[in-house]
PDB file of N, CA and C in Angstrom:
ATOM      1  N   UNK A   1     -28.177 -24.899  44.739  1.00  0.00           N
ATOM      2  CA  UNK A   1     -27.068 -25.246  43.912  1.00  0.00           C
ATOM      3  C   UNK A   1     -27.340 -26.985  44.794  1.00  0.00           C
ATOM      4  N   UNK A   2     -27.020 -27.817  44.101  1.00  0.00           N
ATOM      5  CA  UNK A   2     -26.826 -29.203  45.079  1.00  0.00           C
ATOM      6  C   UNK A   2     -25.590 -29.650  44.831  1.00  0.00           C
ATOM      7  N   UNK A   3     -25.211 -30.185  46.716  1.00  0.00           N
ATOM      8  CA  UNK A   3     -23.817 -30.832  45.903  1.00  0.00           C
ATOM      9  C   UNK A   3     -23.440 -31.438  45.642  1.00  0.00           C
ATOM     10  N   UNK A   4     -22.420 -31.185  44.852  1.00  0.00           N
ATOM     11  CA  UNK A   4     -21.772 -32.259  44.022  1.00  0.00           C
ATOM     12  C   UNK A   4     -20.850 -34.024  44.858  1.00  0.00           C
ATOM     13  N   UNK A   5     -20.471 -33.334  45.593  1.00  0.00           N
ATOM     14  CA  UNK A   5     -20.721 -35.181  46.528  1.00  0.00           C
ATOM     15  C   UNK A   5     -21.909 -35.613  46.682  1.00  0.00           C
ATOM     16  N   UNK A   6     -23.011 -35.059  47.173  1.00  0.00           N
ATOM     17  CA  UNK A   6     -24.199 -35.853  46.853  1.00  0.00           C
ATOM     18  C   UNK A   6     -24.390 -36.266  46.682  1.00  0.00           C
ATOM     19  N   UNK A   7     -24.678 -35.496  44.729  1.00  0.00           N
ATOM     20  CA  UNK A   7     -25.096 -35.742  43.646  1.00  0.00           C
ATOM     21  C   UNK A   7     -24.148 -37.267  43.435  1.00  0.00           C
ATOM     22  N   UNK A   8     -22.442 -37.038  44.102  1.00  0.00           N
ATOM     23  CA  UNK A   8     -21.867 -38.430  43.364  1.00  0.00           C
ATOM     24  C   UNK A   8     -21.981 -39.695  43.582  1.00  0.00           C
ATOM     25  N   UNK A   9     -23.034 -39.953  45.180  1.00  0.00           N
ATOM     26  CA  UNK A   9     -23.320 -41.414  45.748  1.00  0.00           C
ATOM     27  C   UNK A   9     -24.914 -41.449  45.186  1.00  0.00           C
ATOM     28  N   UNK A  10     -25.796 -40.276  44.747  1.00  0.00           N
ATOM     29  CA  UNK A  10     -27.161 -40.630  44.440  1.00  0.00           C
ATOM     30  C   UNK A  10     -27.285 -41.725  43.190  1.00  0.00           C
ATOM     31  N   UNK A  11     -27.905 -42.497  43.734  1.00  0.00           N
ATOM     32  CA  UNK A  11     -28.623 -43.117  42.073  1.00  0.00           C
ATOM     33  C   UNK A  11     -30.048 -43.450  42.320  1.00  0.00           C
ATOM     34  N   UNK A  12     -30.879 -43.545  41.360  1.00  0.00           N
ATOM     35  CA  UNK A  12     -31.922 -43.865  40.892  1.00  0.00           C
ATOM     36  C   UNK A  12     -32.855 -44.942  42.216  1.00  0.00           C
ATOM     37  N   UNK A  13     -33.599 -44.559  42.677  1.00  0.00           N
ATOM     38  CA  UNK A  13     -34.407 -46.147  43.357  1.00  0.00           C
ATOM     39  C   UNK A  13     -35.026 -47.250  42.409  1.00  0.00           C
ATOM     40  N   UNK A  14     -34.694 -46.871  41.863  1.00  0.00           N
ATOM     41  CA  UNK A  14     -35.433 -47.521  40.609  1.00  0.00           C
ATOM     42  C   UNK A  14     -35.150 -48.250  39.743  1.00  0.00           C
ATOM     43  N   UNK A  15     -34.050 -47.624  39.554  1.00  0.00           N
ATOM     44  CA  UNK A  15     -32.767 -48.665  37.797  1.00  0.00           C
ATOM     45  C   UNK A  15     -31.510 -48.266  38.500  1.00  0.00           C
ATOM     46  N   UNK A  16     -31.163 -47.588  39.689  1.00  0.00           N
ATOM     47  CA  UNK A  16     -29.544 -47.764  40.029  1.00  0.00           C
ATOM     48  C   UNK A  16     -29.068 -47.201  39.633  1.00  0.00           C
ATOM     49  N   UNK A  17     -29.381 -46.355  38.634  1.00  0.00           N
ATOM     50  CA  UNK A  17     -28.715 -45.802  37.177  1.00  0.00           C
ATOM     51  C   UNK A  17     -27.941 -43.884  38.174  1.00  0.00           C
ATOM     52  N   UNK A  18     -27.209 -43.863  37.444  1.00  0.00           N
ATOM     53  CA  UNK A  18     -26.568 -42.015  38.202  1.00  0.00           C
ATOM     54  C   UNK A  18     -27.561 -40.941  37.490  1.00  0.00           C
ATOM     55  N   UNK A  19     -27.523 -40.219  38.515  1.00  0.00           N
ATOM     56  CA  UNK A  19     -28.187 -39.479  38.308  1.00  0.00           C
ATOM     57  C   UNK A  19     -28.075 -37.588  38.139  1.00  0.00           C
ATOM     58  N   UNK A  20     -28.882 -37.371  37.216  1.00  0.00           N
ATOM     59  CA  UNK A  20     -28.327 -35.455  36.400  1.00  0.00           C
ATOM     60  C   UNK A  20     -29.175 -34.487  37.242  1.00  0.00           C
ATOM     61  N   UNK A  21     -28.349 -33.676  37.524  1.00  0.00           N
ATOM     62  CA  UNK A  21     -29.012 -32.568  38.156  1.00  0.00           C
ATOM     63  C   UNK A  21     -29.327 -31.056  37.216  1.00  0.00           C
ATOM     64  N   UNK A  22     -30.731 -31.022  37.092  1.00  0.00           N
ATOM     65  CA  UNK A  22     -30.869 -30.115  36.411  1.00  0.00           C
ATOM     66  C   UNK A  22     -31.405 -28.878  37.342  1.00  0.00           C
ATOM     67  N   UNK A  23     -30.411 -27.539  37.363  1.00  0.00           N
ATOM     68  CA  UNK A  23     -30.669 -26.567  38.245  1.00  0.00           C
ATOM     69  C   UNK A  23     -31.826 -25.112  37.907  1.00  0.00           C
ATOM     70  N   UNK A  24     -32.391 -25.563  36.632  1.00  0.00           N
ATOM     71  CA  UNK A  24     -33.290 -24.503  36.053  1.00  0.00           C
ATOM     72  C   UNK A  24     -34.383 -25.211  36.907  1.00  0.00           C
ATOM     73  N   UNK A  25     -34.952 -26.192  36.511  1.00  0.00           N
ATOM     74  CA  UNK A  25     -35.534 -27.193  36.669  1.00  0.00           C
ATOM     75  C   UNK A  25     -35.979 -27.844  38.453  1.00  0.00           C
ATOM     76  N   UNK A  26     -35.113 -28.014  39.194  1.00  0.00           N
ATOM     77  CA  UNK A  26     -34.812 -28.146  40.477  1.00  0.00           C
ATOM     78  C   UNK A  26     -35.048 -29.475  40.735  1.00  0.00           C
ATOM     79  N   UNK A  27     -34.383 -30.751  39.776  1.00  0.00           N
ATOM     80  CA  UNK A  27     -34.506 -31.794  39.683  1.00  0.00           C
ATOM     81  C   UNK A  27     -33.358 -32.480  39.202  1.00  0.00           C
ATOM     82  N   UNK A  28     -33.832 -33.759  40.002  1.00  0.00           N
ATOM     83  CA  UNK A  28     -32.470 -35.214  39.505  1.00  0.00           C
ATOM     84  C   UNK A  28     -33.151 -36.164  38.380  1.00  0.00           C
ATOM     85  N   UNK A  29     -32.688 -35.970  37.269  1.00  0.00           N
ATOM     86  CA  UNK A  29     -32.880 -36.814  36.122  1.00  0.00           C
ATOM     87  C   UNK A  29     -32.212 -38.399  36.322  1.00  0.00           C
ATOM     88  N   UNK A  30     -33.413 -39.115  35.750  1.00  0.00           N
ATOM     89  CA  UNK A  30     -32.903 -40.359  35.322  1.00  0.00           C
ATOM     90  C   UNK A  30     -33.136 -40.876  34.199  1.00  0.00           C
ATOM     91  N   UNK A  31     -31.980 -41.407  33.056  1.00  0.00           N
ATOM     92  CA  UNK A  31     -32.632 -41.369  31.595  1.00  0.00           C
ATOM     93  C   UNK A  31     -33.073 -42.691  31.468  1.00  0.00           C
ATOM     94  N   UNK A  32     -32.518 -43.612  32.658  1.00  0.00           N
ATOM     95  CA  UNK A  32     -32.611 -45.110  32.450  1.00  0.00           C
ATOM     96  C   UNK A  32     -34.425 -45.231  33.102  1.00  0.00           C
ATOM     97  N   UNK A  33     -34.194 -44.541  34.308  1.00  0.00           N
ATOM     98  CA  UNK A  33     -36.191 -44.800  34.481  1.00  0.00           C
ATOM     99  C   UNK A  33     -36.456 -44.289  33.623  1.00  0.00           C
ATOM    100  N   UNK A  34     -36.342 -43.002  32.979  1.00  0.00           N
ATOM    101  CA  UNK A  34     -37.192 -41.533  32.947  1.00  0.00           C
ATOM    102  C   UNK A  34     -38.078 -40.907  33.834  1.00  0.00           C
ATOM    103  N   UNK A  35     -37.699 -40.704  34.839  1.00  0.00           N
ATOM    104  CA  UNK A  35     -37.905 -40.306  36.050  1.00  0.00           C
ATOM    105  C   UNK A  35     -37.473 -39.171  36.657  1.00  0.00           C
ATOM    106  N   UNK A  36     -37.617 -38.196  36.817  1.00  0.00           N
ATOM    107  CA  UNK A  36     -37.161 -36.495  37.351  1.00  0.00           C
ATOM    108  C   UNK A  36     -37.470 -36.511  38.866  1.00  0.00           C
ATOM    109  N   UNK A  37     -36.739 -36.809  39.466  1.00  0.00           N
ATOM    110  CA  UNK A  37     -37.278 -36.410  41.362  1.00  0.00           C
ATOM    111  C   UNK A  37     -37.064 -35.013  41.940  1.00  0.00           C
ATOM    112  N   UNK A  38     -38.053 -34.329  42.677  1.00  0.00           N
ATOM    113  CA  UNK A  38     -37.845 -32.892  42.289  1.00  0.00           C
ATOM    114  C   UNK A  38     -36.548 -32.923  43.892  1.00  0.00           C
ATOM    115  N   UNK A  39     -36.126 -31.649  43.602  1.00  0.00           N
ATOM    116  CA  UNK A  39     -35.266 -31.043  44.859  1.00  0.00           C
ATOM    117  C   UNK A  39     -35.771 -30.002  45.039  1.00  0.00           C
ATOM    118  N   UNK A  40     -36.421 -29.944  46.547  1.00  0.00           N
ATOM    119  CA  UNK A  40     -37.007 -29.406  47.526  1.00  0.00           C
ATOM    120  C   UNK A  40     -35.828 -29.037  48.914  1.00  0.00           C
ATOM    121  N   UNK A  41     -36.150 -27.645  49.007  1.00  0.00           N
ATOM    122  CA  UNK A  41     -35.362 -26.992  49.698  1.00  0.00           C
ATOM    123  C   UNK A  41     -34.007 -26.902  49.801  1.00  0.00           C
ATOM    124  N   UNK A  42     -33.675 -27.701  48.539  1.00  0.00           N
ATOM    125  CA  UNK A  42     -31.745 -28.473  48.951  1.00  0.00           C
ATOM    126  C   UNK A  42     -31.614 -30.126  48.708  1.00  0.00           C
ATOM    127  N   UNK A  43     -32.914 -30.401  49.108  1.00  0.00           N
ATOM    128  CA  UNK A  43     -33.038 -31.811  49.600  1.00  0.00           C
ATOM    129  C   UNK A  43     -33.709 -32.610  48.611  1.00  0.00           C
ATOM    130  N   UNK A  44     -33.313 -33.559  48.039  1.00  0.00           N
ATOM    131  CA  UNK A  44     -33.308 -34.371  46.676  1.00  0.00           C
ATOM    132  C   UNK A  44     -34.581 -35.254  47.803  1.00  0.00           C
ATOM    133  N   UNK A  45     -35.785 -35.701  47.152  1.00  0.00           N
ATOM    134  CA  UNK A  45     -37.391 -36.108  47.658  1.00  0.00           C
ATOM    135  C   UNK A  45     -36.590 -37.423  46.592  1.00  0.00           C
ATOM    136  N   UNK A  46     -36.562 -38.964  46.827  1.00  0.00           N
ATOM    137  CA  UNK A  46     -35.686 -39.609  46.221  1.00  0.00           C
ATOM    138  C   UNK A  46     -37.426 -40.445  46.668  1.00  0.00           C
ATOM    139  N   UNK A  47     -38.266 -40.449  46.300  1.00  0.00           N
ATOM    140  CA  UNK A  47     -39.527 -41.595  46.364  1.00  0.00           C
ATOM    141  C   UNK A  47     -39.895 -41.556  44.850  1.00  0.00           C
ATOM    142  N   UNK A  48     -40.159 -42.861  45.016  1.00  0.00           N
ATOM    143  CA  UNK A  48     -40.578 -43.219  42.987  1.00  0.00           C
ATOM    144  C   UNK A  48     -42.090 -42.345  43.331  1.00  0.00           C
ATOM    145  N   UNK A  49     -43.327 -42.156  43.657  1.00  0.00           N
ATOM    146  CA  UNK A  49     -44.310 -42.005  43.703  1.00  0.00           C
ATOM    147  C   UNK A  49     -44.039 -40.193  43.564  1.00  0.00           C
ATOM    148  N   UNK A  50     -43.048 -39.087  44.213  1.00  0.00           N
ATOM    149  CA  UNK A  50     -43.071 -38.194  43.803  1.00  0.00           C
ATOM    150  C   UNK A  50     -42.325 -37.598  42.750  1.00  0.00           C
ATOM    151  N   UNK A  51     -41.820 -38.355  41.875  1.00  0.00           N
ATOM    152  CA  UNK A  51     -41.301 -38.007  40.375  1.00  0.00           C
ATOM    153  C   UNK A  51     -42.095 -38.231  39.731  1.00  0.00           C
ATOM    154  N   UNK A  52     -41.479 -37.965  38.250  1.00  0.00           N
ATOM    155  CA  UNK A  52     -42.544 -37.401  37.164  1.00  0.00           C
ATOM    156  C   UNK A  52     -41.939 -38.152  36.321  1.00  0.00           C
ATOM    157  N   UNK A  53     -42.746 -38.123  35.197  1.00  0.00           N
ATOM    158  CA  UNK A  53     -42.597 -39.239  33.724  1.00  0.00           C
ATOM    159  C   UNK A  53     -41.193 -37.916  33.272  1.00  0.00           C
ATOM    160  N   UNK A  54     -40.269 -38.121  32.302  1.00  0.00           N
ATOM    161  CA  UNK A  54     -39.700 -37.978  31.708  1.00  0.00           C
ATOM    162  C   UNK A  54     -40.443 -37.550  30.437  1.00  0.00           C
ATOM    163  N   UNK A  55     -40.334 -36.221  29.749  1.00  0.00           N
ATOM    164  CA  UNK A  55     -40.947 -35.913  28.462  1.00  0.00           C
ATOM    165  C   UNK A  55     -39.949 -37.480  27.070  1.00  0.00           C
ATOM    166  N   UNK A  56     -40.471 -37.122  25.770  1.00  0.00           N
ATOM    167  CA  UNK A  56     -39.842 -37.734  25.063  1.00  0.00           C
ATOM    168  C   UNK A  56     -38.538 -37.343  25.248  1.00  0.00           C
ATOM    169  N   UNK A  57     -38.962 -35.641  24.844  1.00  0.00           N
ATOM    170  CA  UNK A  57     -37.474 -34.677  24.590  1.00  0.00           C
ATOM    171  C   UNK A  57     -36.215 -34.972  25.264  1.00  0.00           C
ATOM    172  N   UNK A  58     -37.053 -34.950  26.945  1.00  0.00           N
ATOM    173  CA  UNK A  58     -36.127 -35.211  27.604  1.00  0.00           C
ATOM    174  C   UNK A  58     -35.303 -36.354  27.885  1.00  0.00           C
ATOM    175  N   UNK A  59     -35.869 -36.827  28.007  1.00  0.00           N
ATOM    176  CA  UNK A  59     -35.164 -38.655  27.477  1.00  0.00           C
ATOM    177  C   UNK A  59     -33.949 -38.794  26.447  1.00  0.00           C
ATOM    178  N   UNK A  60     -34.323 -38.120  25.159  1.00  0.00           N
ATOM    179  CA  UNK A  60     -33.140 -37.655  24.378  1.00  0.00           C
ATOM    180  C   UNK A  60     -32.111 -36.543  24.541  1.00  0.00           C
ATOM    181  N   UNK A  61     -32.662 -35.476  25.456  1.00  0.00           N
ATOM    182  CA  UNK A  61     -31.381 -34.822  25.529  1.00  0.00           C
ATOM    183  C   UNK A  61     -30.327 -34.861  26.571  1.00  0.00           C
TER     184      UNK A  61
END
C-alpha cells in the first residue's frame, strides 16, 4: 500500500498531472501522459525510462 500523503504530492514527471495508484499492479498511472510508473518495495520509480505505456483500455478506464 502506498502512503496517501505521498500520493497526494507526487505528480507525473512528464505531464505534471496527478497520479492514480493501482494496488493490484503496483503502479502509478498518469492518464495525461499515458504512462504507468512501477512501485517497487513501496518506493515509486518516477523515471520515464522505467515507465510503460498504458493500453487503450487503461487510458479510458
